[in-house]
């Protein structure tokens, strides 16, 4: 982005940044430009539109240039901003965790529906691989009577999730460091609902991911470094052994639907439901245990 004038105005810097992002093939270039500039100026995007003629200081321009550089290098917008929205709530995000995605809201919405349809009180839920805590904390926010446990192998992720729980004023989530792949059992003896959005990208698929995912988001949260079904096999095998549970509801890789269903049937689960997303892709596996 080359400076053409002594003073940049909001409207001018947005236009040139949008054009620059288009050249760099950044998806939604105008939206990215607006969000980055709003972040620098500590304004909402709506406020930008009523301050189009506002001049930027040299310090503001310098800060904005640095954010543009990072975004043009494919660093995810959410990591640059340090936050994102999920289920109407605000979550801090860092490279220690996956970025919460709109597709995962479908998982949360379906669990909320399942709980409300059960008409039971004090439902217990465990979230395996909580990351930023977006699933567990959203459930805690909308299901205040539920008791929720959120586990993760990463202490850094758990620390972030705890901060997100505090920021969103939820107090019905307990966070626990737990490695499900190395475990011989769940950290509880009984639970009503198991939920997970596990690492489900196979090694073969990793190279095909966009650069801003594979080069920036934590590999441990993306892939099992094998065939993408390792976590499903482990979780369902532990239920098969000794865990008392009513439902298992997991996000899944649409490309691995058949393999995941085969795992479920291998462990004797027969009451299966596949829920598709807005693109009509199989997104959620729901098992009634």
C-alpha atoms as a PDB file:
ATOM      1  CA  UNK A   1       0.000   0.000   0.000  1.00  0.00           C
ATOM      2  CA  UNK A   2       1.749   3.156  -1.188  1.00  0.00           C
ATOM      3  CA  UNK A   3       1.025   6.489   0.344  1.00  0.00           C
ATOM      4  CA  UNK A   4      -0.362   8.958  -2.205  1.00  0.00           C
ATOM      5  CA  UNK A   5      -1.147  11.868   0.074  1.00  0.00           C
ATOM      6  CA  UNK A   6      -0.021  13.543   3.256  1.00  0.00           C
ATOM      7  CA  UNK A   7      -3.167  12.621   5.161  1.00  0.00           C
ATOM      8  CA  UNK A   8      -5.213   9.476   4.787  1.00  0.00           C
ATOM      9  CA  UNK A   9      -8.963   9.602   5.290  1.00  0.00           C
ATOM     10  CA  UNK A  10     -11.001   6.573   6.311  1.00  0.00           C
ATOM     11  CA  UNK A  11     -12.794   6.294   2.964  1.00  0.00           C
ATOM     12  CA  UNK A  12      -9.561   6.507   0.953  1.00  0.00           C
ATOM     13  CA  UNK A  13      -7.568   4.035   3.006  1.00  0.00           C
ATOM     14  CA  UNK A  14     -10.449   1.546   2.933  1.00  0.00           C
ATOM     15  CA  UNK A  15     -10.638   1.687  -0.848  1.00  0.00           C
ATOM     16  CA  UNK A  16      -6.934   1.198  -1.466  1.00  0.00           C
ATOM     17  CA  UNK A  17      -6.730  -1.581   1.132  1.00  0.00           C
ATOM     18  CA  UNK A  18      -9.692  -3.376  -0.413  1.00  0.00           C
ATOM     19  CA  UNK A  19      -8.041  -3.238  -3.830  1.00  0.00           C
ATOM     20  CA  UNK A  20      -4.774  -4.506  -2.338  1.00  0.00           C
ATOM     21  CA  UNK A  21      -6.510  -7.439  -0.649  1.00  0.00           C
ATOM     22  CA  UNK A  22      -8.265  -8.268  -3.934  1.00  0.00           C
ATOM     23  CA  UNK A  23      -4.878  -8.455  -5.634  1.00  0.00           C
ATOM     24  CA  UNK A  24      -3.671 -10.746  -2.852  1.00  0.00           C
ATOM     25  CA  UNK A  25      -6.794 -12.923  -3.291  1.00  0.00           C
ATOM     26  CA  UNK A  26      -7.968 -12.350   0.267  1.00  0.00           C
ATOM     27  CA  UNK A  27     -11.564 -13.517   0.626  1.00  0.00           C
ATOM     28  CA  UNK A  28     -14.053 -10.733   1.488  1.00  0.00           C
ATOM     29  CA  UNK A  29     -11.459  -7.974   0.955  1.00  0.00           C
ATOM     30  CA  UNK A  30     -13.706  -5.043   1.886  1.00  0.00           C
ATOM     31  CA  UNK A  31     -14.911  -6.712   5.079  1.00  0.00           C
ATOM     32  CA  UNK A  32     -11.324  -7.504   6.072  1.00  0.00           C
ATOM     33  CA  UNK A  33     -10.247  -3.922   5.450  1.00  0.00           C
ATOM     34  CA  UNK A  34     -13.129  -2.546   7.497  1.00  0.00           C
ATOM     35  CA  UNK A  35     -12.588  -4.874  10.436  1.00  0.00           C
ATOM     36  CA  UNK A  36      -8.868  -4.172  10.595  1.00  0.00           C
ATOM     37  CA  UNK A  37      -9.335  -0.418  10.397  1.00  0.00           C
ATOM     38  CA  UNK A  38     -12.138  -0.479  12.958  1.00  0.00           C
ATOM     39  CA  UNK A  39      -9.789  -2.412  15.249  1.00  0.00           C
ATOM     40  CA  UNK A  40      -7.008   0.175  14.880  1.00  0.00           C
ATOM     41  CA  UNK A  41      -9.384   3.107  15.423  1.00  0.00           C
ATOM     42  CA  UNK A  42     -11.329   1.356  18.207  1.00  0.00           C
ATOM     43  CA  UNK A  43     -14.580   1.862  16.330  1.00  0.00           C
ATOM     44  CA  UNK A  44     -17.384  -0.395  15.169  1.00  0.00           C
ATOM     45  CA  UNK A  45     -17.779  -0.988  11.442  1.00  0.00           C
ATOM     46  CA  UNK A  46     -20.956   1.098  11.551  1.00  0.00           C
ATOM     47  CA  UNK A  47     -19.029   3.976  13.091  1.00  0.00           C
ATOM     48  CA  UNK A  48     -16.550   3.835  10.219  1.00  0.00           C
ATOM     49  CA  UNK A  49     -19.349   4.667   7.810  1.00  0.00           C
ATOM     50  CA  UNK A  50     -20.276   7.840   9.643  1.00  0.00           C
ATOM     51  CA  UNK A  51     -16.629   8.900   9.890  1.00  0.00           C
ATOM     52  CA  UNK A  52     -15.532   8.392   6.276  1.00  0.00           C
ATOM     53  CA  UNK A  53     -13.890  11.830   6.188  1.00  0.00           C
ATOM     54  CA  UNK A  54     -11.970  11.290   9.410  1.00  0.00           C
ATOM     55  CA  UNK A  55      -8.205  11.741   8.930  1.00  0.00           C
ATOM     56  CA  UNK A  56      -5.841   9.146  10.349  1.00  0.00           C
ATOM     57  CA  UNK A  57      -2.794  10.052  12.386  1.00  0.00           C
ATOM     58  CA  UNK A  58       0.611   8.805  11.307  1.00  0.00           C
ATOM     59  CA  UNK A  59       0.587   6.364  14.232  1.00  0.00           C
ATOM     60  CA  UNK A  60      -2.779   4.951  13.160  1.00  0.00           C
ATOM     61  CA  UNK A  61      -1.587   4.558   9.572  1.00  0.00           C
ATOM     62  CA  UNK A  62       1.557   2.790  10.763  1.00  0.00           C
ATOM     63  CA  UNK A  63      -0.437   0.366  12.924  1.00  0.00           C
ATOM     64  CA  UNK A  64      -2.862  -0.288  10.078  1.00  0.00           C
ATOM     65  CA  UNK A  65      -0.030  -0.991   7.644  1.00  0.00           C
ATOM     66  CA  UNK A  66       1.315  -3.689   9.963  1.00  0.00           C
ATOM     67  CA  UNK A  67      -2.074  -5.385  10.199  1.00  0.00           C
ATOM     68  CA  UNK A  68      -2.443  -5.241   6.411  1.00  0.00           C
ATOM     69  CA  UNK A  69       0.963  -6.884   6.043  1.00  0.00           C
ATOM     70  CA  UNK A  70      -0.033  -9.714   8.358  1.00  0.00           C
ATOM     71  CA  UNK A  71      -3.375 -10.304   6.649  1.00  0.00           C
ATOM     72  CA  UNK A  72      -1.812 -10.218   3.186  1.00  0.00           C
ATOM     73  CA  UNK A  73       0.538 -12.966   4.401  1.00  0.00           C
ATOM     74  CA  UNK A  74      -2.593 -15.082   5.072  1.00  0.00           C
ATOM     75  CA  UNK A  75      -2.550 -14.758   8.851  1.00  0.00           C
ATOM     76  CA  UNK A  76      -6.181 -15.313   9.882  1.00  0.00           C
ATOM     77  CA  UNK A  77      -8.165 -12.162  10.564  1.00  0.00           C
ATOM     78  CA  UNK A  78      -9.361 -13.565  13.895  1.00  0.00           C
ATOM     79  CA  UNK A  79      -5.809 -14.040  15.183  1.00  0.00           C
ATOM     80  CA  UNK A  80      -4.902 -10.504  14.133  1.00  0.00           C
ATOM     81  CA  UNK A  81      -7.942  -9.066  15.892  1.00  0.00           C
ATOM     82  CA  UNK A  82      -7.505 -11.457  18.803  1.00  0.00           C
ATOM     83  CA  UNK A  83     -11.203 -12.263  18.955  1.00  0.00           C
ATOM     84  CA  UNK A  84     -14.207 -13.576  17.059  1.00  0.00           C
ATOM     85  CA  UNK A  85     -17.941 -14.047  17.501  1.00  0.00           C
ATOM     86  CA  UNK A  86     -19.574 -17.433  18.030  1.00  0.00           C
ATOM     87  CA  UNK A  87     -23.212 -18.091  18.943  1.00  0.00           C
ATOM     88  CA  UNK A  88     -23.667 -14.378  19.585  1.00  0.00           C
ATOM     89  CA  UNK A  89     -20.850 -14.346  22.152  1.00  0.00           C
ATOM     90  CA  UNK A  90     -17.370 -12.861  21.950  1.00  0.00           C
ATOM     91  CA  UNK A  91     -14.363 -15.181  22.249  1.00  0.00           C
ATOM     92  CA  UNK A  92     -10.704 -14.353  22.544  1.00  0.00           C
ATOM     93  CA  UNK A  93      -8.627 -16.464  20.167  1.00  0.00           C
ATOM     94  CA  UNK A  94      -4.910 -17.113  19.863  1.00  0.00           C
ATOM     95  CA  UNK A  95      -2.810 -19.488  17.745  1.00  0.00           C
ATOM     96  CA  UNK A  96      -3.056 -21.938  20.680  1.00  0.00           C
ATOM     97  CA  UNK A  97      -6.564 -22.889  19.566  1.00  0.00           C
ATOM     98  CA  UNK A  98      -8.642 -23.366  16.457  1.00  0.00           C
ATOM     99  CA  UNK A  99     -10.704 -20.416  15.310  1.00  0.00           C
ATOM    100  CA  UNK A 100     -14.401 -21.025  16.106  1.00  0.00           C
ATOM    101  CA  UNK A 101     -16.333 -21.483  12.875  1.00  0.00           C
ATOM    102  CA  UNK A 102     -19.967 -20.874  11.912  1.00  0.00           C
ATOM    103  CA  UNK A 103     -20.411 -24.556  10.964  1.00  0.00           C
ATOM    104  CA  UNK A 104     -19.776 -25.536  14.569  1.00  0.00           C
ATOM    105  CA  UNK A 105     -22.699 -23.372  15.684  1.00  0.00           C
ATOM    106  CA  UNK A 106     -24.922 -26.073  14.158  1.00  0.00           C
ATOM    107  CA  UNK A 107     -23.432 -28.552  16.637  1.00  0.00           C
ATOM    108  CA  UNK A 108     -24.176 -26.269  19.586  1.00  0.00           C
ATOM    109  CA  UNK A 109     -27.688 -25.486  18.348  1.00  0.00           C
ATOM    110  CA  UNK A 110     -28.496 -29.175  18.020  1.00  0.00           C
ATOM    111  CA  UNK A 111     -27.266 -29.944  21.536  1.00  0.00           C
ATOM    112  CA  UNK A 112     -29.388 -27.108  22.920  1.00  0.00           C
ATOM    113  CA  UNK A 113     -32.389 -28.533  21.068  1.00  0.00           C
ATOM    114  CA  UNK A 114     -31.632 -32.038  22.365  1.00  0.00           C
ATOM    115  CA  UNK A 115     -31.434 -30.833  25.965  1.00  0.00           C
ATOM    116  CA  UNK A 116     -34.637 -28.814  25.735  1.00  0.00           C
ATOM    117  CA  UNK A 117     -36.500 -31.715  24.133  1.00  0.00           C
ATOM    118  CA  UNK A 118     -35.390 -34.047  26.940  1.00  0.00           C
ATOM    119  CA  UNK A 119     -37.273 -31.924  29.498  1.00  0.00           C
ATOM    120  CA  UNK A 120     -34.813 -33.149  32.139  1.00  0.00           C
ATOM    121  CA  UNK A 121     -33.053 -30.879  34.596  1.00  0.00           C
ATOM    122  CA  UNK A 122     -29.387 -30.853  35.596  1.00  0.00           C
ATOM    123  CA  UNK A 123     -28.187 -32.386  32.345  1.00  0.00           C
ATOM    124  CA  UNK A 124     -24.441 -33.122  32.390  1.00  0.00           C
ATOM    125  CA  UNK A 125     -22.280 -32.510  29.321  1.00  0.00           C
ATOM    126  CA  UNK A 126     -18.603 -33.154  28.578  1.00  0.00           C
ATOM    127  CA  UNK A 127     -16.833 -31.314  25.749  1.00  0.00           C
ATOM    128  CA  UNK A 128     -13.796 -33.254  24.515  1.00  0.00           C
ATOM    129  CA  UNK A 129     -11.075 -30.993  23.069  1.00  0.00           C
ATOM    130  CA  UNK A 130     -12.597 -27.670  24.083  1.00  0.00           C
ATOM    131  CA  UNK A 131      -9.940 -25.383  22.561  1.00  0.00           C
ATOM    132  CA  UNK A 132     -11.125 -21.788  22.979  1.00  0.00           C
ATOM    133  CA  UNK A 133     -14.091 -23.113  24.933  1.00  0.00           C
ATOM    134  CA  UNK A 134     -16.575 -21.895  22.340  1.00  0.00           C
ATOM    135  CA  UNK A 135     -18.772 -25.014  22.471  1.00  0.00           C
ATOM    136  CA  UNK A 136     -18.778 -25.523  26.242  1.00  0.00           C
ATOM    137  CA  UNK A 137     -19.176 -21.833  27.078  1.00  0.00           C
ATOM    138  CA  UNK A 138     -21.966 -21.318  24.533  1.00  0.00           C
ATOM    139  CA  UNK A 139     -23.802 -24.308  25.981  1.00  0.00           C
ATOM    140  CA  UNK A 140     -23.264 -22.957  29.485  1.00  0.00           C
ATOM    141  CA  UNK A 141     -24.612 -19.564  28.422  1.00  0.00           C
ATOM    142  CA  UNK A 142     -27.792 -20.905  26.841  1.00  0.00           C
ATOM    143  CA  UNK A 143     -28.290 -23.891  29.159  1.00  0.00           C
ATOM    144  CA  UNK A 144     -27.680 -22.395  32.570  1.00  0.00           C
ATOM    145  CA  UNK A 145     -28.990 -25.456  34.448  1.00  0.00           C
ATOM    146  CA  UNK A 146     -26.514 -27.818  32.780  1.00  0.00           C
ATOM    147  CA  UNK A 147     -23.305 -28.989  34.391  1.00  0.00           C
ATOM    148  CA  UNK A 148     -20.491 -28.920  31.861  1.00  0.00           C
ATOM    149  CA  UNK A 149     -16.960 -30.318  31.867  1.00  0.00           C
ATOM    150  CA  UNK A 150     -14.539 -29.087  29.209  1.00  0.00           C
ATOM    151  CA  UNK A 151     -11.319 -31.007  28.567  1.00  0.00           C
ATOM    152  CA  UNK A 152      -8.237 -30.388  26.475  1.00  0.00           C
ATOM    153  CA  UNK A 153      -4.699 -31.731  26.194  1.00  0.00           C
ATOM    154  CA  UNK A 154      -3.299 -28.183  26.005  1.00  0.00           C
ATOM    155  CA  UNK A 155      -2.941 -26.139  29.187  1.00  0.00           C
ATOM    156  CA  UNK A 156      -2.560 -23.005  27.061  1.00  0.00           C
ATOM    157  CA  UNK A 157      -5.915 -23.715  25.419  1.00  0.00           C
ATOM    158  CA  UNK A 158      -7.527 -24.360  28.802  1.00  0.00           C
ATOM    159  CA  UNK A 159      -6.197 -21.066  30.163  1.00  0.00           C
ATOM    160  CA  UNK A 160      -7.709 -19.227  27.210  1.00  0.00           C
ATOM    161  CA  UNK A 161     -11.008 -21.092  27.610  1.00  0.00           C
ATOM    162  CA  UNK A 162     -11.156 -20.185  31.309  1.00  0.00           C
ATOM    163  CA  UNK A 163     -10.638 -16.522  30.416  1.00  0.00           C
ATOM    164  CA  UNK A 164     -13.417 -16.769  27.831  1.00  0.00           C
ATOM    165  CA  UNK A 165     -15.728 -18.311  30.415  1.00  0.00           C
ATOM    166  CA  UNK A 166     -15.054 -15.433  32.786  1.00  0.00           C
ATOM    167  CA  UNK A 167     -15.528 -12.836  30.048  1.00  0.00           C
ATOM    168  CA  UNK A 168     -18.867 -14.374  29.081  1.00  0.00           C
ATOM    169  CA  UNK A 169     -19.957 -14.662  32.733  1.00  0.00           C
ATOM    170  CA  UNK A 170     -20.513 -18.414  32.706  1.00  0.00           C
ATOM    171  CA  UNK A 171     -19.852 -20.269  35.942  1.00  0.00           C
ATOM    172  CA  UNK A 172     -21.222 -23.733  35.148  1.00  0.00           C
ATOM    173  CA  UNK A 173     -18.162 -25.045  33.265  1.00  0.00           C
ATOM    174  CA  UNK A 174     -15.334 -26.971  34.900  1.00  0.00           C
ATOM    175  CA  UNK A 175     -12.110 -27.159  32.897  1.00  0.00           C
ATOM    176  CA  UNK A 176      -9.886 -30.209  33.041  1.00  0.00           C
ATOM    177  CA  UNK A 177      -6.592 -31.143  31.394  1.00  0.00           C
ATOM    178  CA  UNK A 178      -7.105 -34.573  29.865  1.00  0.00           C
ATOM    179  CA  UNK A 179      -5.586 -36.498  26.960  1.00  0.00           C
ATOM    180  CA  UNK A 180      -8.414 -38.580  25.541  1.00  0.00           C
ATOM    181  CA  UNK A 181      -6.135 -40.568  23.229  1.00  0.00           C
ATOM    182  CA  UNK A 182      -3.940 -41.742  26.095  1.00  0.00           C
ATOM    183  CA  UNK A 183      -6.779 -42.302  28.540  1.00  0.00           C
ATOM    184  CA  UNK A 184      -8.101 -45.672  29.633  1.00  0.00           C
ATOM    185  CA  UNK A 185     -11.424 -44.095  30.610  1.00  0.00           C
ATOM    186  CA  UNK A 186     -13.312 -40.821  30.642  1.00  0.00           C
ATOM    187  CA  UNK A 187     -12.666 -38.482  33.581  1.00  0.00           C
ATOM    188  CA  UNK A 188     -16.249 -39.155  34.716  1.00  0.00           C
ATOM    189  CA  UNK A 189     -18.218 -42.359  35.305  1.00  0.00           C
ATOM    190  CA  UNK A 190     -21.471 -41.085  33.872  1.00  0.00           C
ATOM    191  CA  UNK A 191     -22.509 -38.198  31.653  1.00  0.00           C
ATOM    192  CA  UNK A 192     -25.682 -37.367  29.756  1.00  0.00           C
ATOM    193  CA  UNK A 193     -24.123 -35.927  26.598  1.00  0.00           C
ATOM    194  CA  UNK A 194     -20.664 -36.223  25.079  1.00  0.00           C
ATOM    195  CA  UNK A 195     -19.857 -33.493  22.568  1.00  0.00           C
ATOM    196  CA  UNK A 196     -16.718 -33.079  20.525  1.00  0.00           C
ATOM    197  CA  UNK A 197     -15.330 -31.299  17.510  1.00  0.00           C
ATOM    198  CA  UNK A 198     -12.184 -33.429  17.343  1.00  0.00           C
ATOM    199  CA  UNK A 199      -9.142 -33.147  15.051  1.00  0.00           C
ATOM    200  CA  UNK A 200     -10.593 -34.843  11.972  1.00  0.00           C
ATOM    201  CA  UNK A 201      -8.374 -33.795   9.079  1.00  0.00           C
ATOM    202  CA  UNK A 202      -6.395 -36.732   7.748  1.00  0.00           C
ATOM    203  CA  UNK A 203      -2.703 -36.418   6.947  1.00  0.00           C
ATOM    204  CA  UNK A 204      -3.554 -36.786   3.267  1.00  0.00           C
ATOM    205  CA  UNK A 205      -5.926 -33.803   3.457  1.00  0.00           C
ATOM    206  CA  UNK A 206      -3.605 -31.439   5.338  1.00  0.00           C
ATOM    207  CA  UNK A 207      -1.728 -30.209   2.278  1.00  0.00           C
ATOM    208  CA  UNK A 208      -4.993 -29.274   0.598  1.00  0.00           C
ATOM    209  CA  UNK A 209      -6.047 -26.901   3.366  1.00  0.00           C
ATOM    210  CA  UNK A 210      -5.858 -23.133   2.707  1.00  0.00           C
ATOM    211  CA  UNK A 211      -2.574 -21.565   3.793  1.00  0.00           C
ATOM    212  CA  UNK A 212      -4.239 -19.495   6.492  1.00  0.00           C
ATOM    213  CA  UNK A 213      -5.394 -22.705   8.154  1.00  0.00           C
ATOM    214  CA  UNK A 214      -2.467 -25.076   7.735  1.00  0.00           C
ATOM    215  CA  UNK A 215       0.216 -22.434   8.301  1.00  0.00           C
ATOM    216  CA  UNK A 216      -1.336 -20.725  11.322  1.00  0.00           C
ATOM    217  CA  UNK A 217      -3.856 -22.859  13.209  1.00  0.00           C
ATOM    218  CA  UNK A 218      -2.492 -25.482  15.641  1.00  0.00           C
ATOM    219  CA  UNK A 219      -1.813 -28.784  13.910  1.00  0.00           C
ATOM    220  CA  UNK A 220      -2.698 -30.738  17.049  1.00  0.00           C
ATOM    221  CA  UNK A 221      -6.257 -29.378  16.817  1.00  0.00           C
ATOM    222  CA  UNK A 222      -6.584 -30.016  13.085  1.00  0.00           C
ATOM    223  CA  UNK A 223      -5.341 -33.535  12.492  1.00  0.00           C
ATOM    224  CA  UNK A 224      -4.794 -36.818  14.294  1.00  0.00           C
ATOM    225  CA  UNK A 225      -1.719 -37.266  12.072  1.00  0.00           C
ATOM    226  CA  UNK A 226      -3.281 -40.420  10.675  1.00  0.00           C
ATOM    227  CA  UNK A 227      -6.524 -41.094   8.855  1.00  0.00           C
ATOM    228  CA  UNK A 228      -8.778 -38.509  10.545  1.00  0.00           C
ATOM    229  CA  UNK A 229     -10.896 -41.036  12.467  1.00  0.00           C
ATOM    230  CA  UNK A 230      -8.643 -41.812  15.430  1.00  0.00           C
ATOM    231  CA  UNK A 231     -10.554 -39.651  17.910  1.00  0.00           C
ATOM    232  CA  UNK A 232     -13.937 -41.084  16.929  1.00  0.00           C
ATOM    233  CA  UNK A 233     -12.625 -44.590  17.455  1.00  0.00           C
ATOM    234  CA  UNK A 234     -11.145 -43.730  20.853  1.00  0.00           C
ATOM    235  CA  UNK A 235     -14.162 -41.836  22.180  1.00  0.00           C
ATOM    236  CA  UNK A 236     -16.634 -44.513  21.114  1.00  0.00           C
ATOM    237  CA  UNK A 237     -14.441 -47.334  22.394  1.00  0.00           C
ATOM    238  CA  UNK A 238     -14.386 -45.798  25.877  1.00  0.00           C
ATOM    239  CA  UNK A 239     -18.167 -45.491  25.892  1.00  0.00           C
ATOM    240  CA  UNK A 240     -18.393 -49.113  24.849  1.00  0.00           C
ATOM    241  CA  UNK A 241     -16.308 -50.127  27.861  1.00  0.00           C
ATOM    242  CA  UNK A 242     -17.836 -48.571  30.940  1.00  0.00           C
ATOM    243  CA  UNK A 243     -19.188 -45.019  30.502  1.00  0.00           C
ATOM    244  CA  UNK A 244     -22.852 -44.415  31.244  1.00  0.00           C
ATOM    245  CA  UNK A 245     -24.045 -41.979  28.607  1.00  0.00           C
ATOM    246  CA  UNK A 246     -27.243 -41.023  26.758  1.00  0.00           C
ATOM    247  CA  UNK A 247     -26.043 -39.149  23.668  1.00  0.00           C
ATOM    248  CA  UNK A 248     -22.849 -38.639  21.711  1.00  0.00           C
ATOM    249  CA  UNK A 249     -22.957 -35.625  19.375  1.00  0.00           C
ATOM    250  CA  UNK A 250     -19.840 -34.917  17.308  1.00  0.00           C
ATOM    251  CA  UNK A 251     -18.857 -32.731  14.401  1.00  0.00           C
ATOM    252  CA  UNK A 252     -17.329 -34.735  11.593  1.00  0.00           C
ATOM    253  CA  UNK A 253     -15.377 -34.553   8.367  1.00  0.00           C
ATOM    254  CA  UNK A 254     -17.923 -34.943   5.554  1.00  0.00           C
ATOM    255  CA  UNK A 255     -15.360 -36.887   3.527  1.00  0.00           C
ATOM    256  CA  UNK A 256     -15.067 -39.494   6.285  1.00  0.00           C
ATOM    257  CA  UNK A 257     -18.762 -40.049   6.996  1.00  0.00           C
ATOM    258  CA  UNK A 258     -18.793 -43.721   6.012  1.00  0.00           C
ATOM    259  CA  UNK A 259     -15.667 -44.559   8.002  1.00  0.00           C
ATOM    260  CA  UNK A 260     -17.044 -42.838  11.105  1.00  0.00           C
ATOM    261  CA  UNK A 261     -20.379 -44.644  10.804  1.00  0.00           C
ATOM    262  CA  UNK A 262     -18.492 -47.926  10.457  1.00  0.00           C
ATOM    263  CA  UNK A 263     -16.690 -47.197  13.733  1.00  0.00           C
ATOM    264  CA  UNK A 264     -19.979 -46.521  15.492  1.00  0.00           C
ATOM    265  CA  UNK A 265     -21.526 -49.761  14.251  1.00  0.00           C
ATOM    266  CA  UNK A 266     -18.340 -51.653  15.175  1.00  0.00           C
ATOM    267  CA  UNK A 267     -18.951 -50.706  18.806  1.00  0.00           C
ATOM    268  CA  UNK A 268     -22.602 -51.711  18.633  1.00  0.00           C
ATOM    269  CA  UNK A 269     -24.257 -48.312  18.256  1.00  0.00           C
ATOM    270  CA  UNK A 270     -27.302 -48.550  15.995  1.00  0.00           C
ATOM    271  CA  UNK A 271     -29.393 -45.433  16.718  1.00  0.00           C
ATOM    272  CA  UNK A 272     -27.475 -43.011  14.499  1.00  0.00           C
ATOM    273  CA  UNK A 273     -28.525 -39.705  12.954  1.00  0.00           C
ATOM    274  CA  UNK A 274     -26.568 -37.663  10.433  1.00  0.00           C
ATOM    275  CA  UNK A 275     -27.311 -33.923  10.414  1.00  0.00           C
ATOM    276  CA  UNK A 276     -26.360 -31.909   7.343  1.00  0.00           C
ATOM    277  CA  UNK A 277     -25.165 -28.314   7.243  1.00  0.00           C
ATOM    278  CA  UNK A 278     -26.371 -25.422   5.087  1.00  0.00           C
ATOM    279  CA  UNK A 279     -24.348 -26.803   2.170  1.00  0.00           C
ATOM    280  CA  UNK A 280     -26.135 -30.144   2.565  1.00  0.00           C
ATOM    281  CA  UNK A 281     -22.913 -31.809   3.694  1.00  0.00           C
ATOM    282  CA  UNK A 282     -22.950 -34.361   6.524  1.00  0.00           C
ATOM    283  CA  UNK A 283     -21.700 -32.330   9.465  1.00  0.00           C
ATOM    284  CA  UNK A 284     -22.877 -33.896  12.726  1.00  0.00           C
ATOM    285  CA  UNK A 285     -23.148 -37.463  13.957  1.00  0.00           C
ATOM    286  CA  UNK A 286     -25.698 -37.953  16.729  1.00  0.00           C
ATOM    287  CA  UNK A 287     -25.730 -41.284  18.542  1.00  0.00           C
ATOM    288  CA  UNK A 288     -28.386 -42.289  21.023  1.00  0.00           C
ATOM    289  CA  UNK A 289     -26.566 -44.688  23.331  1.00  0.00           C
END
